[in-house]
Amino acid sequence: MKTDIEIARAARKKPIQEIGAALGIEDSALLPYGNDKAKIDLDFIDSLEQRPNGRLILVTAMTPTPAGEGKTTTTVGLGDAMRRIGKHTAICLREPSLGPCFGMKGGAAGGGHAQIVPMEDINLHFTGDFHAVGAANNLLAALIDNHYYWGNEQNLDARRISWRRVVDMNDRALRDIVASLGGVANGFPRQTGYDITVASEIMAILCLSTNLKDLEQRIRRIIIGQRFDRSHVTADQLNASGAMTVLLRDALKPNLVQSLEHTPAFVHGGPFANIAHGCNSLIATRTALKLADYVVTEAGFGADLGAEKFFNIKCRQGNLKPDAAVVVATIRALKFQGGVAMDRLGQPDPDALKKGLENLGAHIRNMGQFGVPAVVAINRFASDQDEEVRDVFDYCRDLGVNAHECNHWAEGGAGALSLAEDVVRIADSGSSQFRTLYADKMQLWEKARHIARTIYHADDIIADKKVRDQFRALQEQGFGDLPICMAKTQYSFSTDPLLKGAPDHHVTPIREVRLAAGAGFIVAICGEIMTMPGLPRRPAAESIGIDETTGLTEGLF
């Protein structure tokens, strides 16, 4: 059996100009990076404003296992299948982070015969967007320390500088550090830390900006810390926004690539869904909606994370109205949620499967709270038993939801045709009654509580007095209309990654609150989730290298 990377290398890619032409993008509006990838000119994107939007389909999933369950693969397979049944379709995905690529999860270009290419480029440096985000973020950090060193005109309280540096790598040693040691010439020592690049507010700003002007205005609003009187200091007050915008100008342009079956794919931006808002860029999604009749996009991890933030943050800020949703499920994920160990997921276990179906059901019911009609895609693996698949069909039918067995990993778009036909039927029916989960005017604390109760099935949220005071202060300072971005483990509805299935009667502890004024949301950090992940005991990086005979990368996937 061929590996993902072998399948990708054997692909016969079309020149990127042909992929652009299929969407009506003129060659002059494409900024090629080689022959198989390109950025799209912002002036061309602006010229599309008056065109009507196509249909928007979200692909989300049940709670994943640590190995991942093929949500990106399903997104690509569905897009290819819709194109096979004659629908003018585009795909929108996030760019992968180097952290998971060299850690445990791997890349994010799909798999098998449902991939986007060039897979190696996309999973590594691609067009340099993440490097630009990191450079802009760390330029602001350098300007903050420089401002403090040269007299601190803004009267910044060093104890309340909230802006952190970032690096696109899992590195637990950088979570909490002391900077500026070594004497007077190196500045004033202070405690700080690093986040992974995908958790940066700059990444969120890039992914939520509608154009270059909006990007700079959002950067101006970034709050980097407080003065001694507790008033906020912004990036604009440090004269940082101009240079940061220059660094991000090209990164804002969406990237165009293709699937193995030549379906156009926009791959742009990459915030994690467990510690950020988990969606590809708004500018890429809106561009795709102007150029295609149907747009298939995804949101990270399970529906309790990515989908909730897609609906409550991205759709709210971008005025998007989804027409249908697909919830990806696998037999192995269902058994994992039913209590089966990772090394036994390939063995039949009807009782565990039945118990795990409660997790899928909770995600399906959550979709209903947003008024978006959903179907289930059963991403089939070779070890799955026919009886197990029939049990999932029966369960979904009892909930009034269609389920489809999908074999796109092995067959490409041909393996997801029934799913594609059903999704198109639902999207064209006009049955979606999309609504966000809460109103802008709801109090910040109540927004977090509402998410925890309705999406996580918790009894309540809890926090110490310091955190509750932060919520109260943000409300009083005029940030009460912002949505909440919950940061929590992806492995459970609760904040305990070991609590499987569809737990209820638990509480959601909030240990920290961060204001992302430029991005336009409040981050509530729950449980033990980290904004700088660590590497596993045996990181994938240990198996990656260059083959001495072929000169090709080996061990990547």
Protein backbone atom coordinates (compact mmCIF):
# COMPACT_ATOMS: atom_id res chain seq x y z
CA MET A 1 0.00 0.00 0.00
CA LYS A 2 1.36 3.40 -0.98
CA THR A 3 1.92 6.04 1.68
CA ASP A 4 0.35 9.49 1.53
CA ILE A 5 3.59 11.05 0.39
CA GLU A 6 4.07 8.45 -2.36
CA ILE A 7 0.56 9.08 -3.66
CA ALA A 8 1.14 12.84 -3.58
CA ARG A 9 4.45 12.57 -5.43
CA ALA A 10 2.85 10.49 -8.17
CA ALA A 11 0.15 13.12 -8.79
CA ARG A 12 -0.09 14.73 -12.21
CA LYS A 13 -0.63 18.32 -11.20
CA LYS A 14 -2.02 20.92 -13.55
CA PRO A 15 -0.26 24.28 -13.86
CA ILE A 16 -1.68 26.61 -11.25
CA GLN A 17 -2.87 28.95 -14.01
CA GLU A 18 -5.27 26.22 -15.19
CA ILE A 19 -6.63 25.80 -11.67
CA GLY A 20 -7.11 29.55 -11.45
CA ALA A 21 -8.81 29.64 -14.85
CA ALA A 22 -11.34 27.05 -13.65
CA LEU A 23 -12.44 29.65 -11.10
CA GLY A 24 -12.28 32.56 -13.52
CA ILE A 25 -9.07 33.98 -12.08
CA GLU A 26 -6.99 35.75 -14.70
CA ASP A 27 -3.29 34.91 -14.95
CA SER A 28 -2.45 38.52 -14.08
CA ALA A 29 -4.23 38.06 -10.71
CA LEU A 30 -2.09 35.06 -9.78
CA LEU A 31 1.27 35.46 -8.08
CA PRO A 32 2.91 32.05 -8.70
CA TYR A 33 5.21 30.25 -6.28
CA GLY A 34 6.62 27.78 -8.80
CA ASN A 35 4.24 25.92 -11.10
CA ASP A 36 1.79 24.44 -8.59
CA LYS A 37 0.89 27.12 -6.08
CA ALA A 38 0.10 30.83 -6.19
CA LYS A 39 -1.19 33.74 -4.16
CA ILE A 40 -4.17 35.76 -5.35
CA ASP A 41 -3.89 39.50 -5.87
CA LEU A 42 -5.87 41.59 -3.37
CA ASP A 43 -7.09 44.05 -6.02
CA PHE A 44 -8.67 41.14 -7.91
CA ILE A 45 -10.35 39.99 -4.69
CA ASP A 46 -11.74 43.50 -4.14
CA SER A 47 -13.25 43.42 -7.65
CA LEU A 48 -15.43 40.44 -6.68
CA GLU A 49 -17.36 42.27 -3.97
CA GLN A 50 -20.63 42.64 -5.89
CA ARG A 51 -20.86 39.01 -6.97
CA PRO A 52 -23.36 36.71 -5.20
CA ASN A 53 -22.09 34.08 -2.79
CA GLY A 54 -22.13 30.35 -3.41
CA ARG A 55 -23.28 27.74 -0.89
CA LEU A 56 -21.12 27.22 2.21
CA ILE A 57 -20.64 23.72 3.67
CA LEU A 58 -18.79 23.15 6.95
CA VAL A 59 -17.03 19.85 7.68
CA THR A 60 -16.59 19.17 11.38
CA ALA A 61 -16.27 16.00 13.47
CA MET A 62 -17.02 14.07 16.62
CA THR A 63 -14.44 14.18 19.40
CA PRO A 64 -11.17 12.90 17.89
CA THR A 65 -8.66 10.33 19.00
CA PRO A 66 -5.01 11.43 19.37
CA ALA A 67 -4.38 10.00 15.88
CA GLY A 68 -6.93 12.22 14.11
CA GLU A 69 -9.96 10.91 12.22
CA GLY A 70 -9.65 12.26 8.69
CA LYS A 71 -11.64 15.48 8.78
CA THR A 72 -9.35 17.20 6.27
CA THR A 73 -9.36 14.03 4.14
CA THR A 74 -13.16 14.10 4.18
CA THR A 75 -13.23 17.79 3.26
CA VAL A 76 -11.04 17.12 0.23
CA GLY A 77 -12.91 13.93 -0.71
CA LEU A 78 -16.26 15.73 -0.48
CA GLY A 79 -15.00 18.59 -2.63
CA ASP A 80 -13.74 16.15 -5.26
CA ALA A 81 -17.00 14.20 -5.14
CA MET A 82 -19.09 17.33 -5.62
CA ARG A 83 -16.97 18.23 -8.62
CA ARG A 84 -17.52 14.70 -10.00
CA ILE A 85 -21.30 15.18 -9.91
CA GLY A 86 -20.93 18.38 -11.91
CA LYS A 87 -20.92 21.01 -9.19
CA HIS A 88 -18.60 24.03 -9.47
CA THR A 89 -16.77 23.55 -6.17
CA ALA A 90 -13.82 24.97 -4.25
CA ILE A 91 -12.19 23.75 -1.04
CA CYS A 92 -10.97 25.98 1.82
CA LEU A 93 -8.48 24.63 4.37
CA ARG A 94 -6.02 25.87 6.97
CA GLU A 95 -2.26 25.76 6.55
CA PRO A 96 -0.50 23.16 8.73
CA SER A 97 1.73 24.17 11.63
CA LEU A 98 5.24 22.80 11.89
CA GLY A 99 4.59 21.93 15.53
CA PRO A 100 2.25 18.99 14.84
CA CYS A 101 4.20 18.00 11.70
CA PHE A 102 7.31 17.32 13.80
CA GLY A 103 5.36 16.31 16.89
CA MET A 104 2.56 13.77 16.87
CA LYS A 105 -0.50 14.72 14.80
CA GLY A 106 1.23 15.05 11.44
CA GLY A 107 0.27 17.34 8.58
CA ALA A 108 -3.02 18.72 7.39
CA ALA A 109 -3.19 18.14 3.65
CA GLY A 110 -5.60 15.18 3.72
CA GLY A 111 -4.54 11.63 3.02
CA GLY A 112 -4.63 8.73 0.62
CA HIS A 113 -6.38 9.69 -2.62
CA ALA A 114 -8.10 12.69 -1.00
CA GLN A 115 -5.20 15.12 -0.66
CA ILE A 116 -4.18 18.59 -1.68
CA VAL A 117 -0.85 19.04 -3.39
CA PRO A 118 2.05 19.85 -3.33
CA MET A 119 1.72 18.03 -0.02
CA GLU A 120 5.32 18.41 1.15
CA ASP A 121 5.41 22.14 0.48
CA ILE A 122 2.05 22.72 2.16
CA ASN A 123 3.11 20.83 5.29
CA LEU A 124 6.46 22.57 5.57
CA HIS A 125 7.25 26.20 4.64
CA PHE A 126 4.61 26.59 1.88
CA THR A 127 4.50 30.29 0.86
CA GLY A 128 6.02 31.59 4.11
CA ASP A 129 2.80 32.86 5.71
CA PHE A 130 3.57 31.42 9.15
CA HIS A 131 7.05 32.92 9.10
CA ALA A 132 5.52 36.33 8.32
CA VAL A 133 3.08 35.96 11.20
CA GLY A 134 5.90 35.05 13.57
CA ALA A 135 8.07 37.93 12.35
CA ALA A 136 5.27 40.50 12.79
CA ASN A 137 4.41 39.14 16.24
CA ASN A 138 8.03 39.20 17.41
CA LEU A 139 8.69 42.63 15.91
CA LEU A 140 6.00 43.97 18.23
CA ALA A 141 7.61 42.14 21.17
CA ALA A 142 10.98 43.69 20.31
CA LEU A 143 9.43 47.16 20.03
CA ILE A 144 7.81 46.75 23.45
CA ASP A 145 11.09 45.89 25.14
CA ASN A 146 12.88 48.63 23.22
CA HIS A 147 10.27 51.19 24.26
CA TYR A 148 10.72 50.17 27.89
CA TYR A 149 14.52 50.33 27.58
CA TRP A 150 14.56 53.87 26.14
CA GLY A 151 12.59 55.57 28.87
CA ASN A 152 9.11 54.00 28.82
CA GLU A 153 7.23 57.04 27.54
CA GLN A 154 3.93 55.17 27.77
CA ASN A 155 4.55 54.39 31.45
CA LEU A 156 4.14 50.65 30.88
CA ASP A 157 4.02 48.44 33.95
CA ALA A 158 6.52 45.65 33.16
CA ARG A 159 4.54 43.29 35.37
CA ARG A 160 1.51 43.74 33.12
CA ILE A 161 3.04 43.42 29.67
CA SER A 162 0.81 40.74 28.12
CA TRP A 163 2.32 40.40 24.64
CA ARG A 164 4.34 37.19 24.21
CA ARG A 165 6.76 36.02 21.55
CA VAL A 166 5.92 33.06 19.31
CA VAL A 167 7.64 30.26 17.41
CA ASP A 168 6.00 27.70 15.09
CA MET A 169 7.28 24.69 16.98
CA ASN A 170 6.30 22.67 20.03
CA ASP A 171 8.78 23.75 22.72
CA ARG A 172 7.66 23.40 26.33
CA ALA A 173 10.90 24.98 27.62
CA LEU A 174 9.70 28.35 26.30
CA ARG A 175 6.33 28.43 28.06
CA ASP A 176 7.65 30.51 30.97
CA ILE A 177 10.99 32.27 30.75
CA VAL A 178 12.89 35.23 32.16
CA ALA A 179 14.11 37.61 29.44
CA SER A 180 16.74 40.36 29.31
CA LEU A 181 19.26 38.84 31.68
CA GLY A 182 22.93 39.84 31.38
CA GLY A 183 23.17 43.40 32.57
CA VAL A 184 22.07 46.95 31.80
CA ALA A 185 22.75 46.77 28.07
CA ASN A 186 20.25 43.92 27.65
CA GLY A 187 17.26 45.72 29.12
CA PHE A 188 15.15 45.11 32.19
CA PRO A 189 14.70 41.47 33.25
CA ARG A 190 11.10 40.32 33.36
CA GLN A 191 9.10 37.11 33.31
CA THR A 192 7.46 36.33 29.97
CA GLY A 193 7.00 33.37 27.63
CA TYR A 194 6.35 32.04 24.16
CA ASP A 195 3.20 30.73 22.47
CA ILE A 196 3.10 28.60 19.35
CA THR A 197 2.58 30.79 16.27
CA VAL A 198 -0.91 29.45 15.57
CA ALA A 199 -2.05 30.77 18.98
CA SER A 200 -0.82 34.28 18.22
CA GLU A 201 -3.32 37.11 17.99
CA ILE A 202 -1.52 38.05 14.76
CA MET A 203 -2.60 34.71 13.27
CA ALA A 204 -6.19 35.37 14.34
CA ILE A 205 -6.03 38.89 12.91
CA LEU A 206 -4.68 37.59 9.60
CA CYS A 207 -7.49 35.04 9.45
CA LEU A 208 -10.29 37.49 10.29
CA SER A 209 -9.19 40.53 8.25
CA THR A 210 -11.21 41.39 5.14
CA ASN A 211 -8.57 43.50 3.39
CA LEU A 212 -5.25 45.27 3.95
CA LYS A 213 -6.87 48.33 5.56
CA ASP A 214 -8.82 46.16 7.98
CA LEU A 215 -5.61 44.25 8.78
CA GLU A 216 -3.77 47.43 9.79
CA GLN A 217 -6.73 48.75 11.81
CA ARG A 218 -6.89 45.48 13.74
CA ILE A 219 -3.14 45.61 14.43
CA ARG A 220 -3.55 49.16 15.74
CA ARG A 221 -6.10 47.89 18.28
CA ILE A 222 -3.83 45.18 19.74
CA ILE A 223 -3.43 45.68 23.49
CA ILE A 224 0.09 44.83 24.58
CA GLY A 225 -0.14 45.60 28.29
CA GLN A 226 -1.19 48.08 30.94
CA ARG A 227 0.20 51.22 32.52
CA PHE A 228 0.60 51.59 36.26
CA ASP A 229 -2.88 53.13 36.38
CA ARG A 230 -4.25 49.99 34.65
CA SER A 231 -5.08 51.80 31.39
CA HIS A 232 -4.33 49.88 28.20
CA VAL A 233 -1.40 50.43 25.85
CA THR A 234 -1.94 49.55 22.18
CA ALA A 235 0.37 48.63 19.30
CA ASP A 236 -0.64 51.89 17.66
CA GLN A 237 0.73 53.88 20.62
CA LEU A 238 4.11 52.20 20.02
CA ASN A 239 3.98 53.14 16.31
CA ALA A 240 4.21 49.44 15.43
CA SER A 241 1.24 48.92 13.08
CA GLY A 242 2.84 50.20 9.86
CA ALA A 243 5.88 47.93 9.93
CA MET A 244 3.82 44.94 11.06
CA THR A 245 1.38 45.45 8.19
CA VAL A 246 4.27 45.56 5.73
CA LEU A 247 5.48 42.19 7.01
CA LEU A 248 1.98 40.72 6.63
CA ARG A 249 1.00 42.28 3.28
CA ASP A 250 1.86 39.25 1.15
CA ALA A 251 0.73 36.79 3.83
CA LEU A 252 -2.79 38.26 3.64
CA LYS A 253 -3.11 37.12 0.01
CA PRO A 254 -4.85 33.71 -0.11
CA ASN A 255 -2.95 30.70 -1.42
CA LEU A 256 -4.35 28.63 -4.30
CA VAL A 257 -3.40 24.97 -4.85
CA GLN A 258 -5.30 21.87 -6.06
CA SER A 259 -6.47 18.46 -4.96
CA LEU A 260 -5.24 15.25 -6.56
CA GLU A 261 -8.36 15.49 -8.76
CA HIS A 262 -7.63 19.15 -9.63
CA THR A 263 -10.37 20.69 -7.49
CA PRO A 264 -9.29 24.27 -6.64
CA ALA A 265 -8.24 24.57 -3.01
CA PHE A 266 -7.59 27.73 -0.98
CA VAL A 267 -5.14 26.95 1.84
CA HIS A 268 -4.66 29.99 4.03
CA GLY A 269 -4.14 30.71 7.74
CA GLY A 270 -3.89 28.13 10.46
CA PRO A 271 -5.13 28.87 14.00
CA PHE A 272 -5.58 25.77 16.19
CA ALA A 273 -9.14 25.10 17.32
CA ASN A 274 -8.21 24.04 20.86
CA ILE A 275 -6.32 27.27 21.71
CA ALA A 276 -7.55 29.67 18.98
CA HIS A 277 -10.55 29.96 16.64
CA GLY A 278 -9.63 27.05 14.38
CA CYS A 279 -10.70 28.19 10.90
CA ASN A 280 -9.00 29.10 7.63
CA SER A 281 -8.88 32.79 6.69
CA LEU A 282 -12.06 34.77 6.17
CA ILE A 283 -10.60 36.41 3.06
CA ALA A 284 -10.01 32.99 1.46
CA THR A 285 -13.51 31.75 2.30
CA ARG A 286 -15.18 34.91 1.01
CA THR A 287 -13.10 34.81 -2.18
CA ALA A 288 -14.03 31.18 -2.77
CA LEU A 289 -17.72 31.96 -2.23
CA LYS A 290 -17.53 34.60 -4.99
CA LEU A 291 -15.79 32.26 -7.44
CA ALA A 292 -17.52 28.88 -6.89
CA ASP A 293 -21.10 27.69 -6.52
CA TYR A 294 -20.20 25.51 -3.55
CA VAL A 295 -17.43 25.95 -0.98
CA VAL A 296 -16.40 23.12 1.34
CA THR A 297 -14.44 24.23 4.39
CA GLU A 298 -13.47 22.70 7.73
CA ALA A 299 -13.05 23.74 11.33
CA GLY A 300 -10.50 22.08 13.59
CA PHE A 301 -10.94 19.16 16.00
CA GLY A 302 -14.43 18.22 17.21
CA ALA A 303 -17.57 20.27 16.68
CA ASP A 304 -17.46 21.48 20.30
CA LEU A 305 -14.32 23.45 19.39
CA GLY A 306 -13.88 24.25 15.70
CA ALA A 307 -17.53 24.34 14.66
CA GLU A 308 -18.61 26.38 17.68
CA LYS A 309 -15.93 28.98 16.92
CA PHE A 310 -16.62 28.88 13.19
CA PHE A 311 -20.25 29.75 13.88
CA ASN A 312 -19.83 32.15 16.81
CA ILE A 313 -16.64 33.97 15.75
CA LYS A 314 -15.88 33.60 12.04
CA CYS A 315 -19.48 33.65 10.76
CA ARG A 316 -20.38 36.47 13.15
CA GLN A 317 -17.46 38.67 12.06
CA GLY A 318 -17.64 37.73 8.38
CA ASN A 319 -21.43 37.74 7.99
CA LEU A 320 -21.31 34.16 6.67
CA LYS A 321 -24.39 31.94 6.52
CA PRO A 322 -23.57 28.21 6.30
CA ASP A 323 -25.97 26.06 4.29
CA ALA A 324 -25.04 22.59 5.57
CA ALA A 325 -22.69 20.77 7.92
CA VAL A 326 -21.00 17.38 7.78
CA VAL A 327 -20.03 15.61 11.01
CA VAL A 328 -17.18 13.13 10.42
CA ALA A 329 -17.20 9.96 12.47
CA THR A 330 -15.07 6.82 12.45
CA ILE A 331 -15.67 3.43 13.98
CA ARG A 332 -12.37 3.64 15.84
CA ALA A 333 -13.17 7.08 17.29
CA LEU A 334 -16.56 5.80 18.47
CA LYS A 335 -14.93 2.84 20.20
CA PHE A 336 -12.28 5.12 21.69
CA GLN A 337 -15.05 7.30 23.15
CA GLY A 338 -16.60 4.08 24.45
CA GLY A 339 -13.48 3.32 26.48
CA VAL A 340 -11.35 1.12 24.17
CA ALA A 341 -7.56 1.65 24.31
CA MET A 342 -5.79 3.02 21.24
CA ASP A 343 -4.01 -0.28 20.50
CA ARG A 344 -7.32 -2.21 20.45
CA LEU A 345 -9.43 0.02 18.21
CA GLY A 346 -9.19 -2.38 15.27
CA GLN A 347 -10.94 -5.15 17.23
CA PRO A 348 -14.75 -5.53 17.27
CA ASP A 349 -16.42 -4.25 20.44
CA PRO A 350 -20.20 -3.67 20.03
CA ASP A 351 -20.71 -2.45 23.60
CA ALA A 352 -17.97 0.18 23.34
CA LEU A 353 -19.30 1.29 19.95
CA LYS A 354 -22.79 1.72 21.36
CA LYS A 355 -21.46 3.74 24.28
CA GLY A 356 -19.30 5.87 21.98
CA LEU A 357 -22.30 6.75 19.81
CA GLU A 358 -23.44 9.01 22.63
CA ASN A 359 -20.51 11.28 21.75
CA LEU A 360 -21.56 11.47 18.09
CA GLY A 361 -25.14 12.14 19.11
CA ALA A 362 -24.11 15.04 21.32
CA HIS A 363 -22.24 16.66 18.44
CA ILE A 364 -25.19 16.18 16.08
CA ARG A 365 -27.57 17.78 18.57
CA ASN A 366 -25.13 20.65 19.05
CA MET A 367 -25.30 21.38 15.31
CA GLY A 368 -29.05 21.78 15.67
CA GLN A 369 -28.56 24.63 18.14
CA PHE A 370 -27.07 26.69 15.30
CA GLY A 371 -29.91 25.90 12.91
CA VAL A 372 -27.61 24.27 10.35
CA PRO A 373 -28.79 20.91 8.92
CA ALA A 374 -26.18 18.16 9.30
CA VAL A 375 -25.30 14.79 7.81
CA VAL A 376 -22.81 12.21 9.07
CA ALA A 377 -19.84 10.98 7.05
CA ILE A 378 -18.54 7.61 8.25
CA ASN A 379 -14.88 7.71 7.23
CA ARG A 380 -14.30 4.00 6.61
CA PHE A 381 -11.12 2.20 7.63
CA ALA A 382 -10.04 -1.27 6.50
CA SER A 383 -10.50 -2.71 10.00
CA ASP A 384 -14.15 -1.59 10.25
CA GLN A 385 -16.76 -4.36 10.35
CA ASP A 386 -19.96 -4.11 8.27
CA GLU A 387 -22.08 -4.67 11.37
CA GLU A 388 -20.35 -1.77 13.11
CA VAL A 389 -21.11 0.53 10.19
CA ARG A 390 -24.77 -0.59 10.16
CA ASP A 391 -25.03 0.23 13.87
CA VAL A 392 -23.94 3.81 13.13
CA PHE A 393 -26.47 4.05 10.29
CA ASP A 394 -29.26 2.87 12.59
CA TYR A 395 -28.26 5.29 15.34
CA CYS A 396 -28.20 8.27 12.98
CA ARG A 397 -31.52 7.29 11.41
CA ASP A 398 -33.12 7.27 14.88
CA LEU A 399 -31.84 10.84 15.33
CA GLY A 400 -33.35 11.86 11.99
CA VAL A 401 -29.95 12.40 10.35
CA ASN A 402 -28.62 10.77 7.18
CA ALA A 403 -25.32 8.89 7.37
CA HIS A 404 -23.05 7.96 4.46
CA GLU A 405 -20.26 5.42 4.27
CA CYS A 406 -17.25 7.16 2.69
CA ASN A 407 -14.19 5.57 1.10
CA HIS A 408 -12.50 8.67 -0.27
CA TRP A 409 -9.12 7.78 1.29
CA ALA A 410 -8.92 4.74 -1.00
CA GLU A 411 -11.04 5.92 -3.93
CA GLY A 412 -10.81 9.71 -4.01
CA GLY A 413 -13.99 11.60 -4.89
CA ALA A 414 -15.60 8.41 -6.21
CA GLY A 415 -15.73 7.15 -2.63
CA ALA A 416 -17.91 10.02 -1.38
CA LEU A 417 -20.54 10.44 -4.11
CA SER A 418 -23.59 9.66 -1.97
CA LEU A 419 -22.38 12.13 0.64
CA ALA A 420 -21.87 14.78 -2.05
CA GLU A 421 -25.36 14.30 -3.49
CA ASP A 422 -26.97 14.58 -0.06
CA VAL A 423 -24.95 17.65 0.89
CA VAL A 424 -25.88 19.40 -2.35
CA ARG A 425 -29.54 18.52 -1.81
CA ILE A 426 -29.52 19.99 1.69
CA ALA A 427 -27.52 23.08 0.71
CA ASP A 428 -29.87 23.81 -2.19
CA SER A 429 -33.00 23.24 -0.12
CA GLY A 430 -32.66 26.50 1.79
CA SER A 431 -33.45 24.67 5.03
CA SER A 432 -30.58 26.23 6.98
CA GLN A 433 -31.76 28.69 9.60
CA PHE A 434 -28.32 29.71 10.83
CA ARG A 435 -28.03 31.59 14.09
CA THR A 436 -25.22 32.24 16.53
CA LEU A 437 -25.41 30.71 19.99
CA TYR A 438 -25.61 33.96 21.91
CA ALA A 439 -26.28 37.65 21.35
CA ASP A 440 -23.51 40.27 21.31
CA LYS A 441 -25.07 42.02 24.30
CA MET A 442 -24.92 39.00 26.59
CA GLN A 443 -22.45 39.55 29.46
CA LEU A 444 -18.98 38.04 28.88
CA TRP A 445 -19.19 35.70 31.86
CA GLU A 446 -22.61 34.54 30.71
CA LYS A 447 -21.32 33.90 27.17
CA ALA A 448 -18.63 31.57 28.52
CA ARG A 449 -21.17 29.89 30.79
CA HIS A 450 -23.65 29.50 27.92
CA ILE A 451 -21.02 27.78 25.74
CA ALA A 452 -20.05 25.45 28.57
CA ARG A 453 -23.64 24.53 29.38
CA THR A 454 -25.05 24.16 25.88
CA ILE A 455 -22.03 22.81 23.96
CA TYR A 456 -19.93 21.04 26.62
CA HIS A 457 -23.00 19.95 28.68
CA ALA A 458 -21.38 21.30 31.84
CA ASP A 459 -23.33 22.36 34.89
CA ASP A 460 -21.40 25.62 35.18
CA ILE A 461 -18.09 27.44 34.79
CA ILE A 462 -15.81 28.24 37.72
CA ALA A 463 -12.88 30.61 38.18
CA ASP A 464 -10.96 32.22 41.00
CA LYS A 465 -11.60 35.83 42.01
CA LYS A 466 -8.77 37.20 39.87
CA VAL A 467 -10.28 35.72 36.70
CA ARG A 468 -13.82 36.81 37.60
CA ASP A 469 -12.49 40.31 38.20
CA GLN A 470 -10.87 40.24 34.75
CA PHE A 471 -14.20 39.36 33.15
CA ARG A 472 -15.84 42.19 35.05
CA ALA A 473 -13.14 44.69 34.08
CA LEU A 474 -13.29 43.77 30.39
CA GLN A 475 -17.06 44.23 30.50
CA GLU A 476 -16.70 47.67 32.07
CA GLN A 477 -13.94 48.71 29.65
CA GLY A 478 -16.22 48.31 26.63
CA PHE A 479 -15.28 44.84 25.40
CA GLY A 480 -18.55 43.21 26.43
CA ASP A 481 -19.83 42.80 22.86
CA LEU A 482 -16.93 40.54 21.85
CA PRO A 483 -17.43 36.78 21.40
CA ILE A 484 -15.65 34.23 23.60
CA CYS A 485 -12.94 31.93 22.24
CA MET A 486 -12.76 28.96 24.61
CA ALA A 487 -9.37 27.23 24.82
CA LYS A 488 -9.65 23.67 26.12
CA THR A 489 -8.61 20.10 25.40
CA GLN A 490 -9.83 18.63 22.13
CA TYR A 491 -10.13 15.13 23.55
CA SER A 492 -13.27 15.59 25.65
CA PHE A 493 -16.39 17.73 25.99
CA SER A 494 -15.01 18.46 29.45
CA THR A 495 -11.61 19.91 30.34
CA ASP A 496 -10.40 16.45 31.39
CA PRO A 497 -8.97 14.67 28.31
CA LEU A 498 -9.56 11.30 29.97
CA LEU A 499 -13.32 11.86 30.34
CA LYS A 500 -14.76 10.13 27.27
CA GLY A 501 -18.18 9.83 25.65
CA ALA A 502 -20.74 12.56 26.33
CA PRO A 503 -20.16 13.50 29.97
CA ASP A 504 -22.49 15.84 31.81
CA HIS A 505 -22.71 17.29 35.32
CA HIS A 506 -19.10 18.44 35.15
CA VAL A 507 -17.76 21.99 35.53
CA THR A 508 -15.53 24.01 33.21
CA PRO A 509 -12.71 25.75 35.11
CA ILE A 510 -11.38 28.95 33.53
CA ARG A 511 -7.86 29.69 34.76
CA GLU A 512 -6.91 32.67 32.57
CA VAL A 513 -8.48 35.34 30.37
CA ARG A 514 -6.72 37.08 27.48
CA LEU A 515 -8.03 40.04 25.52
CA ALA A 516 -7.49 39.84 21.75
CA ALA A 517 -8.81 43.29 20.89
CA GLY A 518 -7.38 43.27 17.37
CA ALA A 519 -8.78 39.86 16.53
CA GLY A 520 -12.06 40.84 18.15
CA PHE A 521 -12.60 38.17 20.80
CA ILE A 522 -11.84 37.18 24.40
CA VAL A 523 -9.80 34.02 25.01
CA ALA A 524 -10.89 31.97 28.03
CA ILE A 525 -8.22 29.37 28.84
CA CYS A 526 -9.77 26.34 30.50
CA GLY A 527 -8.33 23.47 32.48
CA GLU A 528 -4.74 22.50 31.75
CA ILE A 529 -4.63 23.44 28.04
CA MET A 530 -1.34 25.07 26.96
CA THR A 531 -0.83 27.75 24.32
CA MET A 532 2.65 26.30 23.79
CA PRO A 533 2.42 22.52 23.26
CA GLY A 534 5.23 20.09 24.03
CA LEU A 535 6.67 17.27 21.94
CA PRO A 536 5.71 13.64 22.68
CA ARG A 537 8.15 11.03 23.96
CA ARG A 538 8.88 9.92 20.38
CA PRO A 539 8.35 12.99 18.17
CA ALA A 540 7.85 12.49 14.44
CA ALA A 541 10.94 14.64 13.88
CA GLU A 542 13.14 11.70 14.93
CA SER A 543 12.04 9.78 11.81
CA ILE A 544 12.32 12.59 9.23
CA GLY A 545 15.33 13.09 6.99
CA ILE A 546 16.69 13.16 3.44
CA ASP A 547 17.07 9.88 1.56
CA GLU A 548 20.71 9.58 0.47
CA THR A 549 19.81 7.80 -2.79
CA THR A 550 16.84 9.82 -4.05
CA GLY A 551 17.45 13.13 -2.29
CA LEU A 552 13.77 13.15 -1.29
CA THR A 553 12.28 13.79 2.13
CA GLU A 554 11.54 10.57 3.99
CA GLY A 555 9.55 9.87 7.14
CA LEU A 556 7.32 12.92 6.79
CA PHE A 557 4.11 10.88 6.26
